[in-house]
PDB file of N, CA and C in Angstrom:
ATOM      1  N   UNK A   1      78.670  77.379  53.553  1.00  0.00           N
ATOM      2  CA  UNK A   1      77.479  77.410  53.479  1.00  0.00           C
ATOM      3  C   UNK A   1      77.093  76.818  52.095  1.00  0.00           C
ATOM      4  N   UNK A   2      75.946  76.001  51.785  1.00  0.00           N
ATOM      5  CA  UNK A   2      75.652  75.470  50.605  1.00  0.00           C
ATOM      6  C   UNK A   2      75.194  76.558  49.745  1.00  0.00           C
ATOM      7  N   UNK A   3      75.528  76.555  48.572  1.00  0.00           N
ATOM      8  CA  UNK A   3      74.951  77.433  47.459  1.00  0.00           C
ATOM      9  C   UNK A   3      73.482  76.991  47.224  1.00  0.00           C
ATOM     10  N   UNK A   4      72.324  77.683  48.166  1.00  0.00           N
ATOM     11  CA  UNK A   4      70.825  77.602  47.986  1.00  0.00           C
ATOM     12  C   UNK A   4      70.393  78.174  46.777  1.00  0.00           C
ATOM     13  N   UNK A   5      71.114  78.914  45.930  1.00  0.00           N
ATOM     14  CA  UNK A   5      70.682  79.324  44.844  1.00  0.00           C
ATOM     15  C   UNK A   5      70.709  78.295  43.562  1.00  0.00           C
ATOM     16  N   UNK A   6      71.289  77.060  43.932  1.00  0.00           N
ATOM     17  CA  UNK A   6      71.457  76.078  43.079  1.00  0.00           C
ATOM     18  C   UNK A   6      71.038  75.054  43.622  1.00  0.00           C
ATOM     19  N   UNK A   7      70.408  73.879  42.715  1.00  0.00           N
ATOM     20  CA  UNK A   7      70.155  72.585  43.113  1.00  0.00           C
ATOM     21  C   UNK A   7      69.866  71.678  42.153  1.00  0.00           C
ATOM     22  N   UNK A   8      70.928  70.624  42.234  1.00  0.00           N
ATOM     23  CA  UNK A   8      71.221  69.287  41.483  1.00  0.00           C
ATOM     24  C   UNK A   8      71.302  70.058  39.895  1.00  0.00           C
ATOM     25  N   UNK A   9      72.446  71.009  40.069  1.00  0.00           N
ATOM     26  CA  UNK A   9      72.519  71.553  38.662  1.00  0.00           C
ATOM     27  C   UNK A   9      71.951  72.660  37.902  1.00  0.00           C
ATOM     28  N   UNK A  10      70.356  72.810  38.526  1.00  0.00           N
ATOM     29  CA  UNK A  10      69.343  73.786  38.221  1.00  0.00           C
ATOM     30  C   UNK A  10      69.881  75.056  38.689  1.00  0.00           C
ATOM     31  N   UNK A  11      70.018  76.109  38.292  1.00  0.00           N
ATOM     32  CA  UNK A  11      70.068  77.736  38.547  1.00  0.00           C
ATOM     33  C   UNK A  11      68.703  78.312  38.723  1.00  0.00           C
ATOM     34  N   UNK A  12      67.516  77.782  38.581  1.00  0.00           N
ATOM     35  CA  UNK A  12      66.313  78.466  39.235  1.00  0.00           C
ATOM     36  C   UNK A  12      65.552  77.504  39.240  1.00  0.00           C
ATOM     37  N   UNK A  13      64.327  77.529  39.830  1.00  0.00           N
ATOM     38  CA  UNK A  13      63.207  76.911  40.159  1.00  0.00           C
ATOM     39  C   UNK A  13      62.636  76.598  38.928  1.00  0.00           C
ATOM     40  N   UNK A  14      62.650  77.864  38.182  1.00  0.00           N
ATOM     41  CA  UNK A  14      61.656  77.472  36.627  1.00  0.00           C
ATOM     42  C   UNK A  14      62.227  76.521  35.913  1.00  0.00           C
ATOM     43  N   UNK A  15      63.818  76.436  35.937  1.00  0.00           N
ATOM     44  CA  UNK A  15      64.392  75.668  34.841  1.00  0.00           C
ATOM     45  C   UNK A  15      64.138  74.208  35.434  1.00  0.00           C
ATOM     46  N   UNK A  16      64.133  73.875  36.908  1.00  0.00           N
ATOM     47  CA  UNK A  16      63.876  72.882  37.179  1.00  0.00           C
ATOM     48  C   UNK A  16      62.459  72.238  36.614  1.00  0.00           C
ATOM     49  N   UNK A  17      61.479  73.181  36.834  1.00  0.00           N
ATOM     50  CA  UNK A  17      59.896  72.731  36.572  1.00  0.00           C
ATOM     51  C   UNK A  17      60.073  72.386  35.030  1.00  0.00           C
ATOM     52  N   UNK A  18      60.966  73.192  34.157  1.00  0.00           N
ATOM     53  CA  UNK A  18      60.557  72.946  32.582  1.00  0.00           C
ATOM     54  C   UNK A  18      61.631  71.945  31.981  1.00  0.00           C
ATOM     55  N   UNK A  19      62.402  71.324  32.967  1.00  0.00           N
ATOM     56  CA  UNK A  19      63.176  70.166  32.332  1.00  0.00           C
ATOM     57  C   UNK A  19      62.461  69.170  31.533  1.00  0.00           C
ATOM     58  N   UNK A  20      62.365  68.785  30.494  1.00  0.00           N
ATOM     59  CA  UNK A  20      61.661  67.676  29.766  1.00  0.00           C
ATOM     60  C   UNK A  20      61.819  66.227  29.929  1.00  0.00           C
ATOM     61  N   UNK A  21      62.816  66.136  30.824  1.00  0.00           N
ATOM     62  CA  UNK A  21      63.319  64.672  31.098  1.00  0.00           C
ATOM     63  C   UNK A  21      62.784  64.548  32.611  1.00  0.00           C
ATOM     64  N   UNK A  22      62.368  65.328  33.112  1.00  0.00           N
ATOM     65  CA  UNK A  22      61.826  65.011  34.524  1.00  0.00           C
ATOM     66  C   UNK A  22      60.274  64.920  34.377  1.00  0.00           C
ATOM     67  N   UNK A  23      59.780  63.787  35.137  1.00  0.00           N
ATOM     68  CA  UNK A  23      58.435  63.564  35.288  1.00  0.00           C
ATOM     69  C   UNK A  23      58.077  64.895  36.394  1.00  0.00           C
ATOM     70  N   UNK A  24      56.516  64.812  36.247  1.00  0.00           N
ATOM     71  CA  UNK A  24      55.942  66.100  37.419  1.00  0.00           C
ATOM     72  C   UNK A  24      56.234  65.466  38.628  1.00  0.00           C
ATOM     73  N   UNK A  25      56.264  64.214  38.825  1.00  0.00           N
ATOM     74  CA  UNK A  25      56.567  64.060  40.208  1.00  0.00           C
ATOM     75  C   UNK A  25      57.895  63.878  40.549  1.00  0.00           C
ATOM     76  N   UNK A  26      58.927  63.722  39.805  1.00  0.00           N
ATOM     77  CA  UNK A  26      60.404  64.245  39.954  1.00  0.00           C
ATOM     78  C   UNK A  26      60.586  66.028  40.197  1.00  0.00           C
ATOM     79  N   UNK A  27      59.679  66.686  39.339  1.00  0.00           N
ATOM     80  CA  UNK A  27      59.910  67.608  39.458  1.00  0.00           C
ATOM     81  C   UNK A  27      59.804  68.350  41.016  1.00  0.00           C
ATOM     82  N   UNK A  28      58.251  67.940  41.193  1.00  0.00           N
ATOM     83  CA  UNK A  28      57.729  68.366  42.731  1.00  0.00           C
ATOM     84  C   UNK A  28      58.583  68.092  43.712  1.00  0.00           C
ATOM     85  N   UNK A  29      59.223  66.595  43.805  1.00  0.00           N
ATOM     86  CA  UNK A  29      60.284  66.240  44.897  1.00  0.00           C
ATOM     87  C   UNK A  29      61.533  67.216  44.974  1.00  0.00           C
ATOM     88  N   UNK A  30      62.090  67.647  43.764  1.00  0.00           N
ATOM     89  CA  UNK A  30      62.965  68.352  43.583  1.00  0.00           C
ATOM     90  C   UNK A  30      62.839  69.560  44.194  1.00  0.00           C
ATOM     91  N   UNK A  31      61.608  70.261  43.752  1.00  0.00           N
ATOM     92  CA  UNK A  31      61.526  71.549  44.615  1.00  0.00           C
ATOM     93  C   UNK A  31      61.141  71.449  45.863  1.00  0.00           C
ATOM     94  N   UNK A  32      60.531  70.462  46.509  1.00  0.00           N
ATOM     95  CA  UNK A  32      60.306  70.319  47.825  1.00  0.00           C
ATOM     96  C   UNK A  32      61.724  69.998  48.632  1.00  0.00           C
ATOM     97  N   UNK A  33      62.763  69.472  47.777  1.00  0.00           N
ATOM     98  CA  UNK A  33      63.956  69.568  48.281  1.00  0.00           C
ATOM     99  C   UNK A  33      64.697  70.547  48.581  1.00  0.00           C
ATOM    100  N   UNK A  34      64.308  71.420  47.683  1.00  0.00           N
ATOM    101  CA  UNK A  34      65.233  72.660  47.517  1.00  0.00           C
ATOM    102  C   UNK A  34      64.377  73.629  48.438  1.00  0.00           C
ATOM    103  N   UNK A  35      63.257  73.652  48.524  1.00  0.00           N
ATOM    104  CA  UNK A  35      62.592  74.435  49.460  1.00  0.00           C
ATOM    105  C   UNK A  35      62.842  74.353  51.004  1.00  0.00           C
ATOM    106  N   UNK A  36      62.949  72.935  51.180  1.00  0.00           N
ATOM    107  CA  UNK A  36      63.391  72.468  52.459  1.00  0.00           C
ATOM    108  C   UNK A  36      64.845  72.772  52.808  1.00  0.00           C
ATOM    109  N   UNK A  37      65.693  72.663  51.747  1.00  0.00           N
ATOM    110  CA  UNK A  37      66.991  72.909  52.127  1.00  0.00           C
ATOM    111  C   UNK A  37      67.204  74.611  52.368  1.00  0.00           C
ATOM    112  N   UNK A  38      66.214  75.512  51.642  1.00  0.00           N
ATOM    113  CA  UNK A  38      66.439  76.952  52.072  1.00  0.00           C
ATOM    114  C   UNK A  38      65.944  77.320  53.343  1.00  0.00           C
ATOM    115  N   UNK A  39      64.882  76.485  53.542  1.00  0.00           N
ATOM    116  CA  UNK A  39      64.235  76.800  55.152  1.00  0.00           C
ATOM    117  C   UNK A  39      65.104  76.357  56.193  1.00  0.00           C
ATOM    118  N   UNK A  40      66.070  75.334  55.832  1.00  0.00           N
ATOM    119  CA  UNK A  40      66.655  74.997  56.918  1.00  0.00           C
ATOM    120  C   UNK A  40      68.288  75.424  56.701  1.00  0.00           C
ATOM    121  N   UNK A  41      68.782  76.043  56.082  1.00  0.00           N
ATOM    122  CA  UNK A  41      70.095  76.661  55.961  1.00  0.00           C
ATOM    123  C   UNK A  41      70.237  78.327  55.685  1.00  0.00           C
ATOM    124  N   UNK A  42      68.956  78.752  55.317  1.00  0.00           N
ATOM    125  CA  UNK A  42      69.077  80.225  54.981  1.00  0.00           C
ATOM    126  C   UNK A  42      69.630  81.124  56.281  1.00  0.00           C
ATOM    127  N   UNK A  43      70.328  81.939  55.959  1.00  0.00           N
ATOM    128  CA  UNK A  43      71.263  82.672  57.136  1.00  0.00           C
ATOM    129  C   UNK A  43      70.172  84.000  57.222  1.00  0.00           C
ATOM    130  N   UNK A  44      69.895  84.308  58.344  1.00  0.00           N
ATOM    131  CA  UNK A  44      69.014  85.666  58.600  1.00  0.00           C
ATOM    132  C   UNK A  44      69.360  86.697  57.680  1.00  0.00           C
ATOM    133  N   UNK A  45      70.583  86.768  58.236  1.00  0.00           N
ATOM    134  CA  UNK A  45      71.182  88.177  57.110  1.00  0.00           C
ATOM    135  C   UNK A  45      70.769  88.276  55.714  1.00  0.00           C
ATOM    136  N   UNK A  46      70.512  87.065  55.049  1.00  0.00           N
ATOM    137  CA  UNK A  46      70.030  87.284  53.570  1.00  0.00           C
ATOM    138  C   UNK A  46      68.705  86.805  53.503  1.00  0.00           C
ATOM    139  N   UNK A  47      67.621  87.336  54.528  1.00  0.00           N
ATOM    140  CA  UNK A  47      66.268  86.973  54.527  1.00  0.00           C
ATOM    141  C   UNK A  47      65.213  87.321  53.356  1.00  0.00           C
ATOM    142  N   UNK A  48      65.641  88.529  52.837  1.00  0.00           N
ATOM    143  CA  UNK A  48      64.925  88.871  51.606  1.00  0.00           C
ATOM    144  C   UNK A  48      65.284  88.079  50.406  1.00  0.00           C
ATOM    145  N   UNK A  49      66.545  87.971  50.329  1.00  0.00           N
ATOM    146  CA  UNK A  49      66.955  87.307  49.097  1.00  0.00           C
ATOM    147  C   UNK A  49      66.534  85.945  48.919  1.00  0.00           C
ATOM    148  N   UNK A  50      66.449  85.146  50.322  1.00  0.00           N
ATOM    149  CA  UNK A  50      66.093  83.618  50.239  1.00  0.00           C
ATOM    150  C   UNK A  50      64.282  83.960  50.344  1.00  0.00           C
ATOM    151  N   UNK A  51      63.854  84.894  50.693  1.00  0.00           N
ATOM    152  CA  UNK A  51      62.281  84.778  50.739  1.00  0.00           C
ATOM    153  C   UNK A  51      61.879  84.862  49.163  1.00  0.00           C
ATOM    154  N   UNK A  52      62.514  85.791  48.408  1.00  0.00           N
ATOM    155  CA  UNK A  52      62.317  85.779  46.966  1.00  0.00           C
ATOM    156  C   UNK A  52      62.716  84.029  46.438  1.00  0.00           C
ATOM    157  N   UNK A  53      63.558  83.555  46.669  1.00  0.00           N
ATOM    158  CA  UNK A  53      63.924  82.461  46.130  1.00  0.00           C
ATOM    159  C   UNK A  53      62.818  81.333  46.642  1.00  0.00           C
ATOM    160  N   UNK A  54      62.156  81.332  47.681  1.00  0.00           N
ATOM    161  CA  UNK A  54      61.153  80.521  48.290  1.00  0.00           C
ATOM    162  C   UNK A  54      60.142  81.035  47.338  1.00  0.00           C
ATOM    163  N   UNK A  55      59.601  82.072  47.034  1.00  0.00           N
ATOM    164  CA  UNK A  55      58.350  82.759  46.250  1.00  0.00           C
ATOM    165  C   UNK A  55      58.856  82.071  44.808  1.00  0.00           C
ATOM    166  N   UNK A  56      59.863  81.852  44.207  1.00  0.00           N
ATOM    167  CA  UNK A  56      60.119  81.619  42.864  1.00  0.00           C
ATOM    168  C   UNK A  56      59.676  80.092  42.982  1.00  0.00           C
ATOM    169  N   UNK A  57      60.340  79.077  44.285  1.00  0.00           N
ATOM    170  CA  UNK A  57      59.834  77.927  44.461  1.00  0.00           C
ATOM    171  C   UNK A  57      58.453  77.889  44.323  1.00  0.00           C
ATOM    172  N   UNK A  58      57.499  78.333  45.051  1.00  0.00           N
ATOM    173  CA  UNK A  58      56.207  78.257  45.033  1.00  0.00           C
ATOM    174  C   UNK A  58      55.269  78.690  43.950  1.00  0.00           C
ATOM    175  N   UNK A  59      56.035  79.400  43.162  1.00  0.00           N
ATOM    176  CA  UNK A  59      55.184  79.428  41.740  1.00  0.00           C
ATOM    177  C   UNK A  59      55.621  78.335  40.743  1.00  0.00           C
ATOM    178  N   UNK A  60      56.830  78.036  40.764  1.00  0.00           N
ATOM    179  CA  UNK A  60      56.907  76.559  39.977  1.00  0.00           C
ATOM    180  C   UNK A  60      55.857  75.301  40.436  1.00  0.00           C
ATOM    181  N   UNK A  61      55.920  75.332  42.013  1.00  0.00           N
ATOM    182  CA  UNK A  61      55.004  74.515  42.479  1.00  0.00           C
ATOM    183  C   UNK A  61      53.477  74.617  41.924  1.00  0.00           C
ATOM    184  N   UNK A  62      52.873  75.915  42.068  1.00  0.00           N
ATOM    185  CA  UNK A  62      51.697  76.332  41.484  1.00  0.00           C
ATOM    186  C   UNK A  62      51.485  76.025  39.988  1.00  0.00           C
ATOM    187  N   UNK A  63      52.718  76.053  39.234  1.00  0.00           N
ATOM    188  CA  UNK A  63      52.506  75.764  37.543  1.00  0.00           C
ATOM    189  C   UNK A  63      52.351  74.765  37.492  1.00  0.00           C
ATOM    190  N   UNK A  64      52.815  73.437  38.536  1.00  0.00           N
ATOM    191  CA  UNK A  64      52.580  71.903  38.484  1.00  0.00           C
ATOM    192  C   UNK A  64      51.286  71.611  38.909  1.00  0.00           C
ATOM    193  N   UNK A  65      50.804  72.790  39.190  1.00  0.00           N
ATOM    194  CA  UNK A  65      49.284  71.872  39.916  1.00  0.00           C
ATOM    195  C   UNK A  65      49.432  71.673  41.563  1.00  0.00           C
ATOM    196  N   UNK A  66      50.307  72.121  42.069  1.00  0.00           N
ATOM    197  CA  UNK A  66      50.830  71.538  43.869  1.00  0.00           C
ATOM    198  C   UNK A  66      51.298  72.924  44.597  1.00  0.00           C
ATOM    199  N   UNK A  67      50.471  73.024  45.879  1.00  0.00           N
ATOM    200  CA  UNK A  67      50.906  74.107  46.665  1.00  0.00           C
ATOM    201  C   UNK A  67      52.174  73.570  47.356  1.00  0.00           C
ATOM    202  N   UNK A  68      52.709  74.579  48.036  1.00  0.00           N
ATOM    203  CA  UNK A  68      54.028  74.030  48.604  1.00  0.00           C
ATOM    204  C   UNK A  68      53.761  73.749  50.137  1.00  0.00           C
TER     205      UNK A  68
END
């Protein structure tokens, strides 16, 4: 199973969101892709952990001025 807690080398949604080399659109696109991956691949046994990750992604979206 894919490591849902890493995306494109980023270890957290906030790290992706704070990357100074990415445009706002790139950050939003990356977060959307990460969120979609979690939704599709999350294992039901780890539902609480995956929900926490989804919330982190949603908070990063909010700081960028976009809803998930």
